[in-house]
Amino acid sequence: MFIEIGRMKYKVIKSRTQYDEYCQCLEVLVFMEDRPQEIEDEIELLTLLIEEYDQKTSNLSSVD
């Protein structure tokens, strides 16, 4: 098995600037027509990264 090690396109979000950039990327990808599977995978990954950052940085308390 060969694993190619290279530069990752997306990383764990660590700043508000990075968060904003990823949100913009996600918006562009979501509105693309006839998306190939690779784009669907990017959408899924960006969504997970954005949601994780939101959970870590949210100042809103849970409402029961």
PDB file of N, CA and C in Angstrom:
ATOM      1  N   MET A   1       0.839  -1.171   0.000  1.00  0.00           N
ATOM      2  CA  MET A   1       0.000   0.000   0.000  1.00  0.00           C
ATOM      3  C   MET A   1       0.887   1.238   0.000  1.00  0.00           C
ATOM      4  N   PHE A   2       0.605   2.159  -0.898  1.00  0.00           N
ATOM      5  CA  PHE A   2       1.377   3.395  -1.018  1.00  0.00           C
ATOM      6  C   PHE A   2       0.527   4.550  -0.537  1.00  0.00           C
ATOM      7  N   ILE A   3       1.058   5.320   0.393  1.00  0.00           N
ATOM      8  CA  ILE A   3       0.360   6.492   0.896  1.00  0.00           C
ATOM      9  C   ILE A   3       1.148   7.723   0.488  1.00  0.00           C
ATOM     10  N   GLU A   4       0.489   8.590  -0.253  1.00  0.00           N
ATOM     11  CA  GLU A   4       1.141   9.821  -0.680  1.00  0.00           C
ATOM     12  C   GLU A   4       1.010  10.869   0.422  1.00  0.00           C
ATOM     13  N   ILE A   5       2.121  11.381   0.859  1.00  0.00           N
ATOM     14  CA  ILE A   5       2.112  12.403   1.891  1.00  0.00           C
ATOM     15  C   ILE A   5       2.381  13.740   1.219  1.00  0.00           C
ATOM     16  N   GLY A   6       1.462  14.636   1.389  1.00  0.00           N
ATOM     17  CA  GLY A   6       1.595  15.948   0.772  1.00  0.00           C
ATOM     18  C   GLY A   6       0.924  16.998   1.636  1.00  0.00           C
ATOM     19  N   ARG A   7       0.780  18.132   1.087  1.00  0.00           N
ATOM     20  CA  ARG A   7       0.163  19.234   1.795  1.00  0.00           C
ATOM     21  C   ARG A   7      -1.347  19.027   1.863  1.00  0.00           C
ATOM     22  N   MET A   8      -1.893  19.151   3.055  1.00  0.00           N
ATOM     23  CA  MET A   8      -3.328  19.005   3.222  1.00  0.00           C
ATOM     24  C   MET A   8      -4.036  20.259   2.724  1.00  0.00           C
ATOM     25  N   LYS A   9      -5.156  20.063   2.074  1.00  0.00           N
ATOM     26  CA  LYS A   9      -5.912  21.195   1.561  1.00  0.00           C
ATOM     27  C   LYS A   9      -6.629  21.919   2.705  1.00  0.00           C
ATOM     28  N   TYR A  10      -7.153  21.164   3.653  1.00  0.00           N
ATOM     29  CA  TYR A  10      -7.863  21.742   4.787  1.00  0.00           C
ATOM     30  C   TYR A  10      -7.264  21.214   6.075  1.00  0.00           C
ATOM     31  N   LYS A  11      -7.275  22.060   7.097  1.00  0.00           N
ATOM     32  CA  LYS A  11      -6.740  21.702   8.406  1.00  0.00           C
ATOM     33  C   LYS A  11      -7.759  22.072   9.477  1.00  0.00           C
ATOM     34  N   VAL A  12      -7.522  21.621  10.689  1.00  0.00           N
ATOM     35  CA  VAL A  12      -8.377  21.996  11.802  1.00  0.00           C
ATOM     36  C   VAL A  12      -8.362  23.517  11.924  1.00  0.00           C
ATOM     37  N   ILE A  13      -9.541  24.103  12.097  1.00  0.00           N
ATOM     38  CA  ILE A  13      -9.653  25.561  12.163  1.00  0.00           C
ATOM     39  C   ILE A  13      -9.151  26.050  13.515  1.00  0.00           C
ATOM     40  N   LYS A  14      -8.228  27.025  13.466  1.00  0.00           N
ATOM     41  CA  LYS A  14      -7.629  27.540  14.694  1.00  0.00           C
ATOM     42  C   LYS A  14      -7.771  29.049  14.845  1.00  0.00           C
ATOM     43  N   SER A  15      -8.407  29.713  13.896  1.00  0.00           N
ATOM     44  CA  SER A  15      -8.568  31.158  14.007  1.00  0.00           C
ATOM     45  C   SER A  15      -9.861  31.587  13.324  1.00  0.00           C
ATOM     46  N   ARG A  16     -10.317  32.759  13.689  1.00  0.00           N
ATOM     47  CA  ARG A  16     -11.533  33.306  13.072  1.00  0.00           C
ATOM     48  C   ARG A  16     -11.297  33.591  11.584  1.00  0.00           C
ATOM     49  N   THR A  17     -10.109  34.021  11.232  1.00  0.00           N
ATOM     50  CA  THR A  17      -9.782  34.285   9.828  1.00  0.00           C
ATOM     51  C   THR A  17      -9.883  33.004   9.008  1.00  0.00           C
ATOM     52  N   GLN A  18      -9.313  31.940   9.514  1.00  0.00           N
ATOM     53  CA  GLN A  18      -9.377  30.643   8.838  1.00  0.00           C
ATOM     54  C   GLN A  18     -10.822  30.167   8.746  1.00  0.00           C
ATOM     55  N   TYR A  19     -11.579  30.348   9.804  1.00  0.00           N
ATOM     56  CA  TYR A  19     -13.001  29.990   9.834  1.00  0.00           C
ATOM     57  C   TYR A  19     -13.755  30.726   8.726  1.00  0.00           C
ATOM     58  N   ASP A  20     -13.538  32.032   8.622  1.00  0.00           N
ATOM     59  CA  ASP A  20     -14.208  32.831   7.598  1.00  0.00           C
ATOM     60  C   ASP A  20     -13.830  32.367   6.189  1.00  0.00           C
ATOM     61  N   GLU A  21     -12.560  32.046   5.982  1.00  0.00           N
ATOM     62  CA  GLU A  21     -12.103  31.548   4.679  1.00  0.00           C
ATOM     63  C   GLU A  21     -12.794  30.228   4.326  1.00  0.00           C
ATOM     64  N   TYR A  22     -12.879  29.330   5.292  1.00  0.00           N
ATOM     65  CA  TYR A  22     -13.509  28.036   5.048  1.00  0.00           C
ATOM     66  C   TYR A  22     -15.002  28.195   4.778  1.00  0.00           C
ATOM     67  N   CYS A  23     -15.650  29.120   5.463  1.00  0.00           N
ATOM     68  CA  CYS A  23     -17.070  29.381   5.221  1.00  0.00           C
ATOM     69  C   CYS A  23     -17.284  29.888   3.798  1.00  0.00           C
ATOM     70  N   GLN A  24     -16.409  30.756   3.336  1.00  0.00           N
ATOM     71  CA  GLN A  24     -16.500  31.260   1.965  1.00  0.00           C
ATOM     72  C   GLN A  24     -16.286  30.135   0.950  1.00  0.00           C
ATOM     73  N   CYS A  25     -15.303  29.283   1.216  1.00  0.00           N
ATOM     74  CA  CYS A  25     -15.054  28.130   0.331  1.00  0.00           C
ATOM     75  C   CYS A  25     -16.271  27.225   0.278  1.00  0.00           C
ATOM     76  N   LEU A  26     -16.841  26.962   1.435  1.00  0.00           N
ATOM     77  CA  LEU A  26     -18.010  26.089   1.502  1.00  0.00           C
ATOM     78  C   LEU A  26     -19.171  26.672   0.709  1.00  0.00           C
ATOM     79  N   GLU A  27     -19.392  27.953   0.839  1.00  0.00           N
ATOM     80  CA  GLU A  27     -20.479  28.599   0.102  1.00  0.00           C
ATOM     81  C   GLU A  27     -20.295  28.438  -1.404  1.00  0.00           C
ATOM     82  N   VAL A  28     -19.089  28.639  -1.888  1.00  0.00           N
ATOM     83  CA  VAL A  28     -18.805  28.487  -3.321  1.00  0.00           C
ATOM     84  C   VAL A  28     -19.074  27.050  -3.764  1.00  0.00           C
ATOM     85  N   LEU A  29     -18.592  26.096  -2.994  1.00  0.00           N
ATOM     86  CA  LEU A  29     -18.756  24.681  -3.360  1.00  0.00           C
ATOM     87  C   LEU A  29     -20.216  24.249  -3.350  1.00  0.00           C
ATOM     88  N   VAL A  30     -20.965  24.709  -2.370  1.00  0.00           N
ATOM     89  CA  VAL A  30     -22.367  24.304  -2.231  1.00  0.00           C
ATOM     90  C   VAL A  30     -23.191  24.759  -3.444  1.00  0.00           C
ATOM     91  N   PHE A  31     -22.864  25.915  -3.982  1.00  0.00           N
ATOM     92  CA  PHE A  31     -23.658  26.442  -5.094  1.00  0.00           C
ATOM     93  C   PHE A  31     -23.143  26.026  -6.472  1.00  0.00           C
ATOM     94  N   MET A  32     -22.148  25.165  -6.509  1.00  0.00           N
ATOM     95  CA  MET A  32     -21.671  24.621  -7.788  1.00  0.00           C
ATOM     96  C   MET A  32     -22.706  23.654  -8.347  1.00  0.00           C
ATOM     97  N   GLU A  33     -22.879  23.694  -9.640  1.00  0.00           N
ATOM     98  CA  GLU A  33     -23.785  22.748 -10.284  1.00  0.00           C
ATOM     99  C   GLU A  33     -23.003  21.539 -10.770  1.00  0.00           C
ATOM    100  N   ASP A  34     -23.663  20.398 -10.822  1.00  0.00           N
ATOM    101  CA  ASP A  34     -23.053  19.164 -11.324  1.00  0.00           C
ATOM    102  C   ASP A  34     -21.726  18.870 -10.628  1.00  0.00           C
ATOM    103  N   ARG A  35     -21.782  18.818  -9.289  1.00  0.00           N
ATOM    104  CA  ARG A  35     -20.556  18.602  -8.500  1.00  0.00           C
ATOM    105  C   ARG A  35     -20.089  17.154  -8.595  1.00  0.00           C
ATOM    106  N   PRO A  36     -18.789  16.947  -8.839  1.00  0.00           N
ATOM    107  CA  PRO A  36     -18.248  15.582  -8.788  1.00  0.00           C
ATOM    108  C   PRO A  36     -18.150  15.119  -7.328  1.00  0.00           C
ATOM    109  N   GLN A  37     -17.913  13.846  -7.125  1.00  0.00           N
ATOM    110  CA  GLN A  37     -17.845  13.280  -5.775  1.00  0.00           C
ATOM    111  C   GLN A  37     -16.767  13.949  -4.930  1.00  0.00           C
ATOM    112  N   GLU A  38     -15.664  14.334  -5.530  1.00  0.00           N
ATOM    113  CA  GLU A  38     -14.588  14.977  -4.773  1.00  0.00           C
ATOM    114  C   GLU A  38     -15.072  16.278  -4.129  1.00  0.00           C
ATOM    115  N   ILE A  39     -15.922  17.002  -4.828  1.00  0.00           N
ATOM    116  CA  ILE A  39     -16.464  18.248  -4.286  1.00  0.00           C
ATOM    117  C   ILE A  39     -17.436  17.940  -3.149  1.00  0.00           C
ATOM    118  N   GLU A  40     -18.221  16.899  -3.307  1.00  0.00           N
ATOM    119  CA  GLU A  40     -19.130  16.481  -2.230  1.00  0.00           C
ATOM    120  C   GLU A  40     -18.331  16.136  -0.970  1.00  0.00           C
ATOM    121  N   ASP A  41     -17.197  15.466  -1.157  1.00  0.00           N
ATOM    122  CA  ASP A  41     -16.332  15.125  -0.026  1.00  0.00           C
ATOM    123  C   ASP A  41     -15.763  16.383   0.628  1.00  0.00           C
ATOM    124  N   GLU A  42     -15.382  17.367  -0.183  1.00  0.00           N
ATOM    125  CA  GLU A  42     -14.870  18.630   0.361  1.00  0.00           C
ATOM    126  C   GLU A  42     -15.953  19.349   1.154  1.00  0.00           C
ATOM    127  N   ILE A  43     -17.165  19.348   0.641  1.00  0.00           N
ATOM    128  CA  ILE A  43     -18.288  19.976   1.344  1.00  0.00           C
ATOM    129  C   ILE A  43     -18.491  19.317   2.697  1.00  0.00           C
ATOM    130  N   GLU A  44     -18.456  18.004   2.714  1.00  0.00           N
ATOM    131  CA  GLU A  44     -18.643  17.266   3.958  1.00  0.00           C
ATOM    132  C   GLU A  44     -17.530  17.584   4.964  1.00  0.00           C
ATOM    133  N   LEU A  45     -16.296  17.604   4.508  1.00  0.00           N
ATOM    134  CA  LEU A  45     -15.164  17.885   5.386  1.00  0.00           C
ATOM    135  C   LEU A  45     -15.217  19.316   5.917  1.00  0.00           C
ATOM    136  N   LEU A  46     -15.452  20.277   5.044  1.00  0.00           N
ATOM    137  CA  LEU A  46     -15.542  21.668   5.483  1.00  0.00           C
ATOM    138  C   LEU A  46     -16.672  21.856   6.492  1.00  0.00           C
ATOM    139  N   THR A  47     -17.784  21.214   6.253  1.00  0.00           N
ATOM    140  CA  THR A  47     -18.913  21.302   7.183  1.00  0.00           C
ATOM    141  C   THR A  47     -18.518  20.786   8.560  1.00  0.00           C
ATOM    142  N   LEU A  48     -17.835  19.663   8.613  1.00  0.00           N
ATOM    143  CA  LEU A  48     -17.384  19.107   9.892  1.00  0.00           C
ATOM    144  C   LEU A  48     -16.408  20.044  10.603  1.00  0.00           C
ATOM    145  N   LEU A  49     -15.456  20.586   9.852  1.00  0.00           N
ATOM    146  CA  LEU A  49     -14.475  21.494  10.449  1.00  0.00           C
ATOM    147  C   LEU A  49     -15.136  22.762  10.978  1.00  0.00           C
ATOM    148  N   ILE A  50     -16.057  23.305  10.214  1.00  0.00           N
ATOM    149  CA  ILE A  50     -16.762  24.521  10.621  1.00  0.00           C
ATOM    150  C   ILE A  50     -17.628  24.256  11.847  1.00  0.00           C
ATOM    151  N   GLU A  51     -18.353  23.150  11.850  1.00  0.00           N
ATOM    152  CA  GLU A  51     -19.195  22.811  13.003  1.00  0.00           C
ATOM    153  C   GLU A  51     -18.360  22.602  14.260  1.00  0.00           C
ATOM    154  N   GLU A  52     -17.214  21.959  14.115  1.00  0.00           N
ATOM    155  CA  GLU A  52     -16.340  21.732  15.268  1.00  0.00           C
ATOM    156  C   GLU A  52     -15.862  23.065  15.846  1.00  0.00           C
ATOM    157  N   TYR A  53     -15.452  23.972  14.977  1.00  0.00           N
ATOM    158  CA  TYR A  53     -14.995  25.290  15.434  1.00  0.00           C
ATOM    159  C   TYR A  53     -16.142  26.042  16.112  1.00  0.00           C
ATOM    160  N   ASP A  54     -17.326  25.968  15.523  1.00  0.00           N
ATOM    161  CA  ASP A  54     -18.496  26.617  16.115  1.00  0.00           C
ATOM    162  C   ASP A  54     -18.754  26.103  17.530  1.00  0.00           C
ATOM    163  N   GLN A  55     -18.673  24.796  17.700  1.00  0.00           N
ATOM    164  CA  GLN A  55     -18.918  24.199  19.020  1.00  0.00           C
ATOM    165  C   GLN A  55     -17.870  24.626  20.034  1.00  0.00           C
ATOM    166  N   LYS A  56     -16.629  24.715  19.614  1.00  0.00           N
ATOM    167  CA  LYS A  56     -15.541  25.078  20.524  1.00  0.00           C
ATOM    168  C   LYS A  56     -15.577  26.548  20.918  1.00  0.00           C
ATOM    169  N   THR A  57     -16.060  27.389  20.025  1.00  0.00           N
ATOM    170  CA  THR A  57     -15.982  28.828  20.265  1.00  0.00           C
ATOM    171  C   THR A  57     -17.318  29.482  20.588  1.00  0.00           C
ATOM    172  N   SER A  58     -18.389  28.723  20.563  1.00  0.00           N
ATOM    173  CA  SER A  58     -19.705  29.289  20.808  1.00  0.00           C
ATOM    174  C   SER A  58     -19.827  29.786  22.243  1.00  0.00           C
ATOM    175  N   ASN A  59     -20.346  30.981  22.397  1.00  0.00           N
ATOM    176  CA  ASN A  59     -20.577  31.554  23.719  1.00  0.00           C
ATOM    177  C   ASN A  59     -22.022  31.370  24.167  1.00  0.00           C
ATOM    178  N   LEU A  60     -22.833  30.779  23.318  1.00  0.00           N
ATOM    179  CA  LEU A  60     -24.223  30.571  23.659  1.00  0.00           C
ATOM    180  C   LEU A  60     -24.378  29.307  24.491  1.00  0.00           C
ATOM    181  N   SER A  61     -25.112  29.388  25.567  1.00  0.00           N
ATOM    182  CA  SER A  61     -25.353  28.208  26.387  1.00  0.00           C
ATOM    183  C   SER A  61     -26.513  27.418  25.801  1.00  0.00           C
ATOM    184  N   SER A  62     -26.552  26.153  26.077  1.00  0.00           N
ATOM    185  CA  SER A  62     -27.596  25.289  25.571  1.00  0.00           C
ATOM    186  C   SER A  62     -28.931  25.663  26.174  1.00  0.00           C
ATOM    187  N   VAL A  63     -29.952  25.595  25.350  1.00  0.00           N
ATOM    188  CA  VAL A  63     -31.306  25.877  25.802  1.00  0.00           C
ATOM    189  C   VAL A  63     -32.025  24.547  25.952  1.00  0.00           C
ATOM    190  N   ASP A  64     -32.590  24.334  27.111  1.00  0.00           N
ATOM    191  CA  ASP A  64     -33.321  23.073  27.358  1.00  0.00           C
ATOM    192  C   ASP A  64     -34.756  23.188  26.897  1.00  0.00           C
TER     193      ASP A  64
END
